[in-house]
C-alpha cells in the first residue's frame, strides 16, 4: 500500500508534467501568430479599383432569380 505522502508527491509530478505539456502546446500553437503581417505589395490604385460590375451576367442572374414570386 502507498501512503498519502507518496500519493501527494506523485500527483504533484503529474501536474507539473501536464502543465509543461500544456505550455509547450500553447507555445507551439501560437508560433505562427508571432510572425508579422506581410503586405502583398498591391499599389494604392489596385486597392481602389472597382470590382463590382453591375452589368455582369452573374449579377443580372442574381437579381432575376430573386424577383421570382415566393
PDB file of N, CA and C in Angstrom:
ATOM      1  N   UNK A   1       0.825  -1.182   0.000  1.00  0.00           N
ATOM      2  CA  UNK A   1       0.000   0.000   0.000  1.00  0.00           C
ATOM      3  C   UNK A   1       0.871   1.249   0.000  1.00  0.00           C
ATOM      4  N   UNK A   2       0.353   2.278  -0.610  1.00  0.00           N
ATOM      5  CA  UNK A   2       1.096   3.530  -0.639  1.00  0.00           C
ATOM      6  C   UNK A   2       0.546   4.473   0.418  1.00  0.00           C
ATOM      7  N   UNK A   3       1.390   5.329   0.874  1.00  0.00           N
ATOM      8  CA  UNK A   3       0.958   6.287   1.889  1.00  0.00           C
ATOM      9  C   UNK A   3       0.419   7.540   1.223  1.00  0.00           C
ATOM     10  N   UNK A   4      -0.211   8.361   1.992  1.00  0.00           N
ATOM     11  CA  UNK A   4      -0.784   9.601   1.485  1.00  0.00           C
ATOM     12  C   UNK A   4       0.313  10.548   0.992  1.00  0.00           C
ATOM     13  N   UNK A   5       1.454  10.575   1.687  1.00  0.00           N
ATOM     14  CA  UNK A   5       2.567  11.434   1.277  1.00  0.00           C
ATOM     15  C   UNK A   5       3.089  11.016  -0.093  1.00  0.00           C
ATOM     16  N   UNK A   6       3.160   9.718  -0.351  1.00  0.00           N
ATOM     17  CA  UNK A   6       3.626   9.231  -1.649  1.00  0.00           C
ATOM     18  C   UNK A   6       2.643   9.632  -2.744  1.00  0.00           C
ATOM     19  N   UNK A   7       1.352   9.532  -2.473  1.00  0.00           N
ATOM     20  CA  UNK A   7       0.339   9.926  -3.461  1.00  0.00           C
ATOM     21  C   UNK A   7       0.440  11.411  -3.774  1.00  0.00           C
ATOM     22  N   UNK A   8       0.671  12.249  -2.771  1.00  0.00           N
ATOM     23  CA  UNK A   8       0.801  13.683  -2.992  1.00  0.00           C
ATOM     24  C   UNK A   8       2.008  13.999  -3.858  1.00  0.00           C
ATOM     25  N   UNK A   9       3.122  13.303  -3.614  1.00  0.00           N
ATOM     26  CA  UNK A   9       4.321  13.534  -4.424  1.00  0.00           C
ATOM     27  C   UNK A   9       4.069  13.158  -5.881  1.00  0.00           C
ATOM     28  N   UNK A  10       3.402  12.038  -6.100  1.00  0.00           N
ATOM     29  CA  UNK A  10       3.118  11.609  -7.466  1.00  0.00           C
ATOM     30  C   UNK A  10       2.154  12.573  -8.159  1.00  0.00           C
ATOM     31  N   UNK A  11       1.153  13.055  -7.437  1.00  0.00           N
ATOM     32  CA  UNK A  11       0.194  13.954  -8.068  1.00  0.00           C
ATOM     33  C   UNK A  11       0.845  15.287  -8.426  1.00  0.00           C
ATOM     34  N   UNK A  12       1.777  15.746  -7.622  1.00  0.00           N
ATOM     35  CA  UNK A  12       2.476  16.986  -7.953  1.00  0.00           C
ATOM     36  C   UNK A  12       3.315  16.783  -9.211  1.00  0.00           C
ATOM     37  N   UNK A  13       3.929  15.662  -9.312  1.00  0.00           N
ATOM     38  CA  UNK A  13       4.735  15.380 -10.504  1.00  0.00           C
ATOM     39  C   UNK A  13       3.850  15.332 -11.748  1.00  0.00           C
ATOM     40  N   UNK A  14       2.712  14.675 -11.633  1.00  0.00           N
ATOM     41  CA  UNK A  14       1.804  14.608 -12.779  1.00  0.00           C
ATOM     42  C   UNK A  14       1.342  16.002 -13.182  1.00  0.00           C
ATOM     43  N   UNK A  15       1.002  16.815 -12.205  1.00  0.00           N
ATOM     44  CA  UNK A  15       0.569  18.173 -12.504  1.00  0.00           C
ATOM     45  C   UNK A  15       1.664  18.956 -13.210  1.00  0.00           C
ATOM     46  N   UNK A  16       2.876  18.804 -12.734  1.00  0.00           N
ATOM     47  CA  UNK A  16       3.985  19.517 -13.358  1.00  0.00           C
ATOM     48  C   UNK A  16       4.185  19.072 -14.802  1.00  0.00           C
ATOM     49  N   UNK A  17       4.076  17.783 -15.030  1.00  0.00           N
ATOM     50  CA  UNK A  17       4.248  17.263 -16.390  1.00  0.00           C
ATOM     51  C   UNK A  17       3.128  17.772 -17.286  1.00  0.00           C
ATOM     52  N   UNK A  18       1.889  17.702 -16.793  1.00  0.00           N
ATOM     53  CA  UNK A  18       0.767  18.167 -17.603  1.00  0.00           C
ATOM     54  C   UNK A  18       0.841  19.671 -17.840  1.00  0.00           C
ATOM     55  N   UNK A  19       1.274  20.422 -16.858  1.00  0.00           N
ATOM     56  CA  UNK A  19       1.417  21.862 -17.018  1.00  0.00           C
ATOM     57  C   UNK A  19       2.479  22.166 -18.077  1.00  0.00           C
ATOM     58  N   UNK A  20       3.588  21.438 -18.048  1.00  0.00           N
ATOM     59  CA  UNK A  20       4.655  21.651 -19.027  1.00  0.00           C
ATOM     60  C   UNK A  20       4.175  21.286 -20.429  1.00  0.00           C
ATOM     61  N   UNK A  21       3.423  20.198 -20.540  1.00  0.00           N
ATOM     62  CA  UNK A  21       2.896  19.812 -21.846  1.00  0.00           C
ATOM     63  C   UNK A  21       1.913  20.859 -22.372  1.00  0.00           C
ATOM     64  N   UNK A  22       1.060  21.356 -21.498  1.00  0.00           N
ATOM     65  CA  UNK A  22       0.107  22.383 -21.908  1.00  0.00           C
ATOM     66  C   UNK A  22       0.807  23.646 -22.358  1.00  0.00           C
ATOM     67  N   UNK A  23       1.844  24.035 -21.648  1.00  0.00           N
ATOM     68  CA  UNK A  23       2.602  25.225 -22.017  1.00  0.00           C
ATOM     69  C   UNK A  23       3.298  25.014 -23.360  1.00  0.00           C
ATOM     70  N   UNK A  24       3.840  23.835 -23.567  1.00  0.00           N
ATOM     71  CA  UNK A  24       4.505  23.537 -24.839  1.00  0.00           C
ATOM     72  C   UNK A  24       3.545  23.579 -26.010  1.00  0.00           C
ATOM     73  N   UNK A  25       2.343  23.060 -25.813  1.00  0.00           N
ATOM     74  CA  UNK A  25       1.337  23.079 -26.874  1.00  0.00           C
ATOM     75  C   UNK A  25       0.914  24.515 -27.159  1.00  0.00           C
ATOM     76  N   UNK A  26       0.744  25.309 -26.111  1.00  0.00           N
ATOM     77  CA  UNK A  26       0.331  26.702 -26.304  1.00  0.00           C
ATOM     78  C   UNK A  26       1.393  27.493 -27.060  1.00  0.00           C
ATOM     79  N   UNK A  27       2.639  27.273 -26.737  1.00  0.00           N
ATOM     80  CA  UNK A  27       3.722  27.989 -27.418  1.00  0.00           C
ATOM     81  C   UNK A  27       3.808  27.550 -28.875  1.00  0.00           C
ATOM     82  N   UNK A  28       3.669  26.254 -29.109  1.00  0.00           N
ATOM     83  CA  UNK A  28       3.740  25.740 -30.469  1.00  0.00           C
ATOM     84  C   UNK A  28       2.570  26.264 -31.314  1.00  0.00           C
ATOM     85  N   UNK A  29       1.392  26.322 -30.726  1.00  0.00           N
ATOM     86  CA  UNK A  29       0.219  26.780 -31.469  1.00  0.00           C
ATOM     87  C   UNK A  29       0.282  28.276 -31.771  1.00  0.00           C
ATOM     88  N   UNK A  30       0.928  29.046 -30.902  1.00  0.00           N
ATOM     89  CA  UNK A  30       0.968  30.492 -31.117  1.00  0.00           C
ATOM     90  C   UNK A  30       2.158  30.939 -31.953  1.00  0.00           C
ATOM     91  N   UNK A  31       3.048  30.043 -32.313  1.00  0.00           N
ATOM     92  CA  UNK A  31       4.223  30.419 -33.088  1.00  0.00           C
ATOM     93  C   UNK A  31       3.867  31.059 -34.438  1.00  0.00           C
ATOM     94  N   UNK A  32       2.889  30.527 -35.199  1.00  0.00           N
ATOM     95  CA  UNK A  32       2.552  31.190 -36.466  1.00  0.00           C
ATOM     96  C   UNK A  32       1.962  32.580 -36.267  1.00  0.00           C
ATOM     97  N   UNK A  33       1.360  32.830 -35.111  1.00  0.00           N
ATOM     98  CA  UNK A  33       0.767  34.132 -34.856  1.00  0.00           C
ATOM     99  C   UNK A  33       1.817  35.193 -34.562  1.00  0.00           C
ATOM    100  N   UNK A  34       3.007  34.772 -34.213  1.00  0.00           N
ATOM    101  CA  UNK A  34       4.046  35.722 -33.859  1.00  0.00           C
ATOM    102  C   UNK A  34       4.699  36.361 -35.079  1.00  0.00           C
ATOM    103  N   UNK A  35       4.549  35.739 -36.239  1.00  0.00           N
ATOM    104  CA  UNK A  35       5.110  36.314 -37.456  1.00  0.00           C
ATOM    105  C   UNK A  35       4.345  37.583 -37.815  1.00  0.00           C
ATOM    106  N   UNK A  36       5.067  38.579 -38.276  1.00  0.00           N
ATOM    107  CA  UNK A  36       4.422  39.841 -38.641  1.00  0.00           C
ATOM    108  C   UNK A  36       3.598  39.692 -39.899  1.00  0.00           C
ATOM    109  N   UNK A  37       2.611  40.536 -40.047  1.00  0.00           N
ATOM    110  CA  UNK A  37       1.787  40.524 -41.244  1.00  0.00           C
ATOM    111  C   UNK A  37       2.605  41.084 -42.403  1.00  0.00           C
ATOM    112  N   UNK A  38       2.471  40.452 -43.537  1.00  0.00           N
ATOM    113  CA  UNK A  38       3.235  40.853 -44.711  1.00  0.00           C
ATOM    114  C   UNK A  38       2.266  41.416 -45.746  1.00  0.00           C
ATOM    115  N   UNK A  39       2.552  42.590 -46.235  1.00  0.00           N
ATOM    116  CA  UNK A  39       1.716  43.209 -47.258  1.00  0.00           C
ATOM    117  C   UNK A  39       1.935  42.500 -48.588  1.00  0.00           C
ATOM    118  N   UNK A  40       0.904  42.446 -49.406  1.00  0.00           N
ATOM    119  CA  UNK A  40       1.032  41.762 -50.687  1.00  0.00           C
ATOM    120  C   UNK A  40       1.642  42.652 -51.762  1.00  0.00           C
ATOM    121  N   UNK A  41       1.898  43.897 -51.449  1.00  0.00           N
ATOM    122  CA  UNK A  41       2.569  44.781 -52.390  1.00  0.00           C
ATOM    123  C   UNK A  41       1.664  45.388 -53.435  1.00  0.00           C
ATOM    124  N   UNK A  42       0.361  45.353 -53.236  1.00  0.00           N
ATOM    125  CA  UNK A  42      -0.556  45.944 -54.205  1.00  0.00           C
ATOM    126  C   UNK A  42      -0.457  47.459 -54.136  1.00  0.00           C
ATOM    127  N   UNK A  43      -0.506  48.073 -55.277  1.00  0.00           N
ATOM    128  CA  UNK A  43      -0.426  49.535 -55.319  1.00  0.00           C
ATOM    129  C   UNK A  43      -1.741  50.136 -54.823  1.00  0.00           C
ATOM    130  N   UNK A  44      -1.712  51.402 -54.484  1.00  0.00           N
ATOM    131  CA  UNK A  44      -2.922  52.052 -53.984  1.00  0.00           C
ATOM    132  C   UNK A  44      -3.990  52.133 -55.071  1.00  0.00           C
ATOM    133  N   UNK A  45      -3.578  52.209 -56.330  1.00  0.00           N
ATOM    134  CA  UNK A  45      -4.557  52.226 -57.427  1.00  0.00           C
ATOM    135  C   UNK A  45      -5.271  50.878 -57.528  1.00  0.00           C
ATOM    136  N   UNK A  46      -4.529  49.801 -57.347  1.00  0.00           N
ATOM    137  CA  UNK A  46      -5.124  48.476 -57.420  1.00  0.00           C
ATOM    138  C   UNK A  46      -6.085  48.248 -56.259  1.00  0.00           C
ATOM    139  N   UNK A  47      -5.797  48.841 -55.101  1.00  0.00           N
ATOM    140  CA  UNK A  47      -6.687  48.694 -53.955  1.00  0.00           C
ATOM    141  C   UNK A  47      -8.003  49.412 -54.171  1.00  0.00           C
ATOM    142  N   UNK A  48      -7.992  50.490 -54.892  1.00  0.00           N
ATOM    143  CA  UNK A  48      -9.189  51.302 -55.096  1.00  0.00           C
ATOM    144  C   UNK A  48      -9.935  50.955 -56.388  1.00  0.00           C
ATOM    145  N   UNK A  49      -9.476  49.956 -57.088  1.00  0.00           N
ATOM    146  CA  UNK A  49     -10.079  49.562 -58.355  1.00  0.00           C
ATOM    147  C   UNK A  49     -11.513  49.075 -58.137  1.00  0.00           C
ATOM    148  N   UNK A  50     -12.402  49.420 -59.035  1.00  0.00           N
ATOM    149  CA  UNK A  50     -13.789  48.991 -58.958  1.00  0.00           C
ATOM    150  C   UNK A  50     -13.871  47.515 -59.314  1.00  0.00           C
ATOM    151  N   UNK A  51     -14.453  46.741 -58.425  1.00  0.00           N
ATOM    152  CA  UNK A  51     -14.558  45.302 -58.666  1.00  0.00           C
ATOM    153  C   UNK A  51     -16.002  44.881 -58.942  1.00  0.00           C
ATOM    154  N   UNK A  52     -16.949  45.646 -58.449  1.00  0.00           N
ATOM    155  CA  UNK A  52     -18.358  45.315 -58.649  1.00  0.00           C
ATOM    156  C   UNK A  52     -18.774  45.730 -60.046  1.00  0.00           C
ATOM    157  N   UNK A  53     -19.251  44.789 -60.810  1.00  0.00           N
ATOM    158  CA  UNK A  53     -19.701  45.052 -62.182  1.00  0.00           C
ATOM    159  C   UNK A  53     -21.208  44.811 -62.228  1.00  0.00           C
ATOM    160  N   UNK A  54     -22.024  45.878 -62.156  1.00  0.00           N
ATOM    161  CA  UNK A  54     -23.480  45.682 -62.079  1.00  0.00           C
ATOM    162  C   UNK A  54     -24.083  45.063 -63.327  1.00  0.00           C
ATOM    163  N   UNK A  55     -23.426  45.148 -64.456  1.00  0.00           N
ATOM    164  CA  UNK A  55     -23.984  44.595 -65.684  1.00  0.00           C
ATOM    165  C   UNK A  55     -23.439  43.210 -66.013  1.00  0.00           C
ATOM    166  N   UNK A  56     -22.712  42.603 -65.105  1.00  0.00           N
ATOM    167  CA  UNK A  56     -22.171  41.278 -65.390  1.00  0.00           C
ATOM    168  C   UNK A  56     -23.287  40.237 -65.372  1.00  0.00           C
ATOM    169  N   UNK A  57     -23.048  39.134 -66.010  1.00  0.00           N
ATOM    170  CA  UNK A  57     -24.063  38.078 -66.127  1.00  0.00           C
ATOM    171  C   UNK A  57     -24.426  37.512 -64.755  1.00  0.00           C
ATOM    172  N   UNK A  58     -23.484  37.360 -63.857  1.00  0.00           N
ATOM    173  CA  UNK A  58     -23.764  36.814 -62.537  1.00  0.00           C
ATOM    174  C   UNK A  58     -24.689  37.726 -61.731  1.00  0.00           C
ATOM    175  N   UNK A  59     -24.445  39.011 -61.773  1.00  0.00           N
ATOM    176  CA  UNK A  59     -25.272  39.961 -61.025  1.00  0.00           C
ATOM    177  C   UNK A  59     -26.668  40.016 -61.613  1.00  0.00           C
ATOM    178  N   UNK A  60     -26.781  40.046 -62.925  1.00  0.00           N
ATOM    179  CA  UNK A  60     -28.087  40.071 -63.569  1.00  0.00           C
ATOM    180  C   UNK A  60     -28.897  38.811 -63.234  1.00  0.00           C
ATOM    181  N   UNK A  61     -28.259  37.666 -63.227  1.00  0.00           N
ATOM    182  CA  UNK A  61     -28.941  36.415 -62.884  1.00  0.00           C
ATOM    183  C   UNK A  61     -29.399  36.427 -61.438  1.00  0.00           C
ATOM    184  N   UNK A  62     -28.597  36.944 -60.541  1.00  0.00           N
ATOM    185  CA  UNK A  62     -28.956  37.029 -59.122  1.00  0.00           C
ATOM    186  C   UNK A  62     -30.236  37.836 -58.937  1.00  0.00           C
ATOM    187  N   UNK A  63     -30.303  39.009 -59.531  1.00  0.00           N
ATOM    188  CA  UNK A  63     -31.483  39.846 -59.371  1.00  0.00           C
ATOM    189  C   UNK A  63     -32.695  39.270 -60.095  1.00  0.00           C
ATOM    190  N   UNK A  64     -32.475  38.608 -61.219  1.00  0.00           N
ATOM    191  CA  UNK A  64     -33.588  37.990 -61.945  1.00  0.00           C
ATOM    192  C   UNK A  64     -34.188  36.852 -61.122  1.00  0.00           C
ATOM    193  N   UNK A  65     -33.364  36.030 -60.537  1.00  0.00           N
ATOM    194  CA  UNK A  65     -33.835  34.897 -59.746  1.00  0.00           C
ATOM    195  C   UNK A  65     -34.535  35.380 -58.479  1.00  0.00           C
ATOM    196  N   UNK A  66     -34.066  36.425 -57.873  1.00  0.00           N
ATOM    197  CA  UNK A  66     -34.680  36.913 -56.634  1.00  0.00           C
ATOM    198  C   UNK A  66     -35.976  37.673 -56.854  1.00  0.00           C
ATOM    199  N   UNK A  67     -36.336  37.937 -58.103  1.00  0.00           N
ATOM    200  CA  UNK A  67     -37.625  38.572 -58.399  1.00  0.00           C
ATOM    201  C   UNK A  67     -38.750  37.557 -58.482  1.00  0.00           C
ATOM    202  N   UNK A  68     -38.426  36.258 -58.462  1.00  0.00           N
ATOM    203  CA  UNK A  68     -39.453  35.239 -58.578  1.00  0.00           C
ATOM    204  C   UNK A  68     -40.434  35.363 -57.426  1.00  0.00           C
ATOM    205  N   UNK A  69     -41.699  35.083 -57.683  1.00  0.00           N
ATOM    206  CA  UNK A  69     -42.686  35.152 -56.591  1.00  0.00           C
ATOM    207  C   UNK A  69     -42.388  34.085 -55.538  1.00  0.00           C
ATOM    208  N   UNK A  70     -42.747  34.433 -54.313  1.00  0.00           N
ATOM    209  CA  UNK A  70     -42.467  33.492 -53.217  1.00  0.00           C
ATOM    210  C   UNK A  70     -43.687  32.726 -52.829  1.00  0.00           C
TER     211      UNK A  70
END
